[in-house]
Amino acid sequence: MGKIGMRRGNIFAAANVAVPAEIDHLKARLFGQEVPDPPVLVNFSAPNDGWSRGQEELLASFKEKRFPLVFSWGPHGRKSTVTNYHPAAQAFP
């Protein structure tokens, strides 16, 4: 969803990724390109999930571009459930 929805703020209000698949595709679609109205990215990632590699680069890019982001990071592995993450990130409307 994040890869598809992030360039389509005119269609999607938010993109939620509970188990990201690295950032390479998202990077190719967003980094260094103009994205006039990106949706909020809600990202649940884990340092003990190899597919979460590159999150530091994602954070830096979103900070630089001032893209909206709800980011929750915790040692929860590769799970499709977000129940162990911070409640504030789970409560995002």
N, C-alpha and C. Protein backbone atom coordinates (compact mmCIF):
# COMPACT_ATOMS: atom_id res chain seq x y z
N MET A 1 0.81 -1.20 0.00
CA MET A 1 0.00 0.00 0.00
C MET A 1 0.85 1.26 0.00
N GLY A 2 1.90 1.27 0.83
CA GLY A 2 2.74 2.45 0.90
C GLY A 2 3.36 2.79 -0.44
N LYS A 3 3.75 1.78 -1.18
CA LYS A 3 4.40 2.02 -2.47
C LYS A 3 3.43 2.60 -3.48
N ILE A 4 2.20 2.16 -3.44
CA ILE A 4 1.20 2.63 -4.39
C ILE A 4 0.59 3.95 -3.92
N GLY A 5 0.18 3.99 -2.66
CA GLY A 5 -0.59 5.11 -2.15
C GLY A 5 0.17 6.39 -1.92
N MET A 6 1.47 6.33 -1.68
CA MET A 6 2.20 7.53 -1.30
C MET A 6 2.25 8.60 -2.38
N ARG A 7 2.10 8.25 -3.60
CA ARG A 7 2.07 9.25 -4.67
C ARG A 7 0.65 9.67 -5.01
N ARG A 8 -0.32 9.13 -4.30
CA ARG A 8 -1.72 9.37 -4.65
C ARG A 8 -2.49 10.02 -3.50
N GLY A 9 -1.99 11.13 -2.98
CA GLY A 9 -2.67 11.84 -1.91
C GLY A 9 -4.03 12.35 -2.33
N ASN A 10 -4.26 12.46 -3.62
CA ASN A 10 -5.57 12.88 -4.11
C ASN A 10 -6.60 11.77 -3.97
N ILE A 11 -6.15 10.54 -3.73
CA ILE A 11 -7.05 9.39 -3.58
C ILE A 11 -7.04 8.85 -2.16
N PHE A 12 -5.84 8.72 -1.57
CA PHE A 12 -5.69 8.11 -0.25
C PHE A 12 -5.40 9.17 0.82
N ALA A 13 -6.08 9.07 1.96
CA ALA A 13 -5.80 9.97 3.08
C ALA A 13 -4.60 9.49 3.87
N ALA A 14 -4.38 8.17 3.88
CA ALA A 14 -3.25 7.60 4.63
C ALA A 14 -2.88 6.26 4.01
N ALA A 15 -1.63 5.87 4.24
CA ALA A 15 -1.14 4.55 3.84
C ALA A 15 -0.58 3.90 5.11
N ASN A 16 -1.02 2.68 5.39
CA ASN A 16 -0.62 1.99 6.61
C ASN A 16 0.20 0.76 6.25
N VAL A 17 1.43 0.69 6.77
CA VAL A 17 2.27 -0.48 6.53
C VAL A 17 2.64 -1.10 7.87
N ALA A 18 2.14 -2.31 8.10
CA ALA A 18 2.43 -3.02 9.34
C ALA A 18 3.62 -3.94 9.17
N VAL A 19 3.88 -4.38 7.99
CA VAL A 19 5.06 -5.20 7.72
C VAL A 19 5.68 -4.70 6.41
N PRO A 20 6.55 -3.69 6.52
CA PRO A 20 7.12 -3.10 5.30
C PRO A 20 8.02 -4.07 4.55
N ALA A 21 8.15 -3.83 3.28
CA ALA A 21 9.03 -4.63 2.44
C ALA A 21 10.17 -3.75 1.94
N GLU A 22 11.08 -3.41 2.82
CA GLU A 22 12.20 -2.50 2.54
C GLU A 22 11.69 -1.19 1.97
N ILE A 23 12.58 -0.32 1.60
CA ILE A 23 12.15 0.99 1.10
C ILE A 23 12.55 1.22 -0.34
N ASP A 24 13.16 0.24 -1.01
CA ASP A 24 13.69 0.47 -2.35
C ASP A 24 12.65 0.96 -3.35
N HIS A 25 11.50 0.31 -3.40
CA HIS A 25 10.47 0.72 -4.35
C HIS A 25 9.91 2.10 -3.98
N LEU A 26 9.64 2.30 -2.71
CA LEU A 26 9.15 3.60 -2.26
C LEU A 26 10.18 4.69 -2.54
N LYS A 27 11.42 4.36 -2.33
CA LYS A 27 12.52 5.30 -2.59
C LYS A 27 12.54 5.71 -4.07
N ALA A 28 12.37 4.74 -4.95
CA ALA A 28 12.37 5.03 -6.38
C ALA A 28 11.19 5.90 -6.79
N ARG A 29 10.07 5.76 -6.09
CA ARG A 29 8.87 6.51 -6.44
C ARG A 29 8.77 7.88 -5.76
N LEU A 30 9.49 8.08 -4.64
CA LEU A 30 9.33 9.32 -3.87
C LEU A 30 10.58 10.18 -3.76
N PHE A 31 11.71 9.56 -3.49
CA PHE A 31 12.92 10.33 -3.19
C PHE A 31 13.37 11.08 -4.43
N GLY A 32 13.63 12.36 -4.27
CA GLY A 32 14.11 13.18 -5.38
C GLY A 32 13.02 13.58 -6.35
N GLN A 33 11.75 13.35 -6.01
CA GLN A 33 10.65 13.69 -6.89
C GLN A 33 9.66 14.58 -6.15
N GLU A 34 8.95 15.37 -6.91
CA GLU A 34 7.92 16.22 -6.32
C GLU A 34 6.66 15.38 -6.10
N VAL A 35 6.17 15.42 -4.89
CA VAL A 35 4.91 14.76 -4.54
C VAL A 35 4.08 15.84 -3.85
N PRO A 36 3.14 16.45 -4.57
CA PRO A 36 2.47 17.65 -4.06
C PRO A 36 1.66 17.46 -2.79
N ASP A 37 0.98 16.35 -2.62
CA ASP A 37 0.10 16.19 -1.46
C ASP A 37 0.11 14.73 -1.00
N PRO A 38 1.22 14.27 -0.42
CA PRO A 38 1.28 12.86 -0.03
C PRO A 38 0.35 12.57 1.15
N PRO A 39 -0.19 11.35 1.19
CA PRO A 39 -0.99 10.98 2.35
C PRO A 39 -0.10 10.73 3.56
N VAL A 40 -0.68 10.62 4.72
CA VAL A 40 0.06 10.28 5.92
C VAL A 40 0.53 8.83 5.80
N LEU A 41 1.79 8.58 6.07
CA LEU A 41 2.30 7.21 6.12
C LEU A 41 2.30 6.77 7.58
N VAL A 42 1.60 5.68 7.87
CA VAL A 42 1.58 5.07 9.20
C VAL A 42 2.44 3.82 9.08
N ASN A 43 3.60 3.83 9.74
CA ASN A 43 4.61 2.80 9.53
C ASN A 43 4.94 2.11 10.86
N PHE A 44 4.70 0.80 10.92
CA PHE A 44 5.06 -0.02 12.08
C PHE A 44 6.23 -0.89 11.65
N SER A 45 7.42 -0.66 12.19
CA SER A 45 8.61 -1.38 11.79
C SER A 45 9.36 -1.91 13.01
N ALA A 46 10.25 -2.87 12.77
CA ALA A 46 10.97 -3.51 13.87
C ALA A 46 12.44 -3.70 13.53
N PRO A 47 13.32 -3.41 14.48
CA PRO A 47 14.74 -3.61 14.23
C PRO A 47 15.11 -5.09 14.06
N ASN A 48 14.28 -5.99 14.54
CA ASN A 48 14.56 -7.42 14.38
C ASN A 48 13.77 -8.01 13.21
N ASP A 49 13.41 -7.19 12.25
CA ASP A 49 12.79 -7.62 11.00
C ASP A 49 13.68 -7.14 9.86
N GLY A 50 14.32 -8.06 9.19
CA GLY A 50 15.24 -7.70 8.10
C GLY A 50 14.59 -6.86 7.01
N TRP A 51 13.28 -6.99 6.82
CA TRP A 51 12.59 -6.21 5.80
C TRP A 51 12.43 -4.75 6.21
N SER A 52 12.70 -4.43 7.44
CA SER A 52 12.61 -3.04 7.90
C SER A 52 13.91 -2.26 7.64
N ARG A 53 14.86 -2.87 6.97
CA ARG A 53 16.11 -2.17 6.65
C ARG A 53 15.82 -0.88 5.89
N GLY A 54 16.58 0.15 6.19
CA GLY A 54 16.47 1.40 5.47
C GLY A 54 15.51 2.40 6.08
N GLN A 55 14.94 2.07 7.22
CA GLN A 55 13.97 2.98 7.84
C GLN A 55 14.60 4.32 8.21
N GLU A 56 15.89 4.31 8.57
CA GLU A 56 16.57 5.57 8.91
C GLU A 56 16.58 6.51 7.71
N GLU A 57 16.82 5.94 6.53
CA GLU A 57 16.82 6.75 5.31
C GLU A 57 15.41 7.27 5.00
N LEU A 58 14.42 6.45 5.24
CA LEU A 58 13.04 6.88 5.05
C LEU A 58 12.70 8.04 5.98
N LEU A 59 13.06 7.90 7.26
CA LEU A 59 12.80 8.97 8.23
C LEU A 59 13.48 10.27 7.82
N ALA A 60 14.73 10.18 7.40
CA ALA A 60 15.48 11.37 7.00
C ALA A 60 14.82 12.05 5.80
N SER A 61 14.39 11.27 4.83
CA SER A 61 13.75 11.83 3.64
C SER A 61 12.42 12.48 3.99
N PHE A 62 11.60 11.81 4.82
CA PHE A 62 10.32 12.38 5.20
C PHE A 62 10.51 13.65 6.02
N LYS A 63 11.52 13.68 6.86
CA LYS A 63 11.80 14.89 7.65
C LYS A 63 12.21 16.04 6.72
N GLU A 64 13.09 15.75 5.79
CA GLU A 64 13.56 16.77 4.85
C GLU A 64 12.42 17.33 4.02
N LYS A 65 11.56 16.46 3.52
CA LYS A 65 10.45 16.89 2.66
C LYS A 65 9.22 17.35 3.45
N ARG A 66 9.27 17.12 4.77
CA ARG A 66 8.16 17.47 5.65
C ARG A 66 6.89 16.70 5.28
N PHE A 67 7.07 15.43 4.92
CA PHE A 67 5.94 14.55 4.64
C PHE A 67 5.33 14.08 5.95
N PRO A 68 4.02 13.90 6.00
CA PRO A 68 3.37 13.45 7.23
C PRO A 68 3.69 11.97 7.50
N LEU A 69 4.04 11.68 8.76
CA LEU A 69 4.45 10.32 9.11
C LEU A 69 4.09 10.01 10.55
N VAL A 70 3.50 8.85 10.76
CA VAL A 70 3.33 8.27 12.09
C VAL A 70 4.23 7.04 12.08
N PHE A 71 5.27 7.05 12.91
CA PHE A 71 6.27 5.98 12.87
C PHE A 71 6.37 5.31 14.22
N SER A 72 6.23 4.00 14.24
CA SER A 72 6.36 3.25 15.49
C SER A 72 7.41 2.16 15.28
N TRP A 73 8.39 2.13 16.17
CA TRP A 73 9.55 1.26 16.05
C TRP A 73 9.68 0.45 17.32
N GLY A 74 9.72 -0.84 17.20
CA GLY A 74 9.85 -1.67 18.40
C GLY A 74 10.27 -3.08 18.03
N PRO A 75 10.80 -3.83 18.99
CA PRO A 75 11.35 -5.16 18.73
C PRO A 75 10.25 -6.23 18.61
N HIS A 76 9.36 -6.04 17.66
CA HIS A 76 8.20 -6.92 17.55
C HIS A 76 8.27 -7.89 16.38
N GLY A 77 9.37 -7.87 15.62
CA GLY A 77 9.55 -8.83 14.53
C GLY A 77 8.61 -8.58 13.37
N ARG A 78 8.53 -9.57 12.52
CA ARG A 78 7.71 -9.47 11.31
C ARG A 78 6.33 -10.07 11.58
N LYS A 79 5.44 -9.20 12.05
CA LYS A 79 4.08 -9.63 12.37
C LYS A 79 3.09 -8.67 11.72
N SER A 80 1.96 -9.19 11.32
CA SER A 80 0.95 -8.32 10.73
C SER A 80 0.08 -7.65 11.79
N THR A 81 0.29 -7.98 13.04
CA THR A 81 -0.46 -7.33 14.12
C THR A 81 0.37 -6.19 14.69
N VAL A 82 -0.29 -5.14 15.11
CA VAL A 82 0.41 -3.98 15.67
C VAL A 82 0.08 -3.80 17.15
N THR A 83 -0.48 -4.80 17.77
CA THR A 83 -0.94 -4.68 19.15
C THR A 83 0.18 -4.37 20.14
N ASN A 84 1.41 -4.73 19.86
CA ASN A 84 2.51 -4.49 20.79
C ASN A 84 3.16 -3.12 20.61
N TYR A 85 2.79 -2.39 19.58
CA TYR A 85 3.37 -1.08 19.32
C TYR A 85 2.71 -0.02 20.19
N HIS A 86 3.28 1.15 20.18
CA HIS A 86 2.79 2.26 21.01
C HIS A 86 1.32 2.55 20.68
N PRO A 87 0.48 2.68 21.70
CA PRO A 87 -0.95 2.93 21.49
C PRO A 87 -1.25 4.20 20.69
N ALA A 88 -0.41 5.21 20.79
CA ALA A 88 -0.65 6.44 20.04
C ALA A 88 -0.59 6.20 18.54
N ALA A 89 0.34 5.36 18.10
CA ALA A 89 0.43 5.05 16.67
C ALA A 89 -0.76 4.20 16.23
N GLN A 90 -1.22 3.32 17.09
CA GLN A 90 -2.38 2.49 16.76
C GLN A 90 -3.66 3.31 16.67
N ALA A 91 -3.72 4.38 17.44
CA ALA A 91 -4.95 5.17 17.52
C ALA A 91 -5.09 6.19 16.41
N PHE A 92 -4.10 6.30 15.53
CA PHE A 92 -4.19 7.28 14.45
C PHE A 92 -5.48 7.03 13.67
N PRO A 93 -6.25 8.08 13.43
CA PRO A 93 -7.57 7.87 12.78
C PRO A 93 -7.38 7.41 11.38
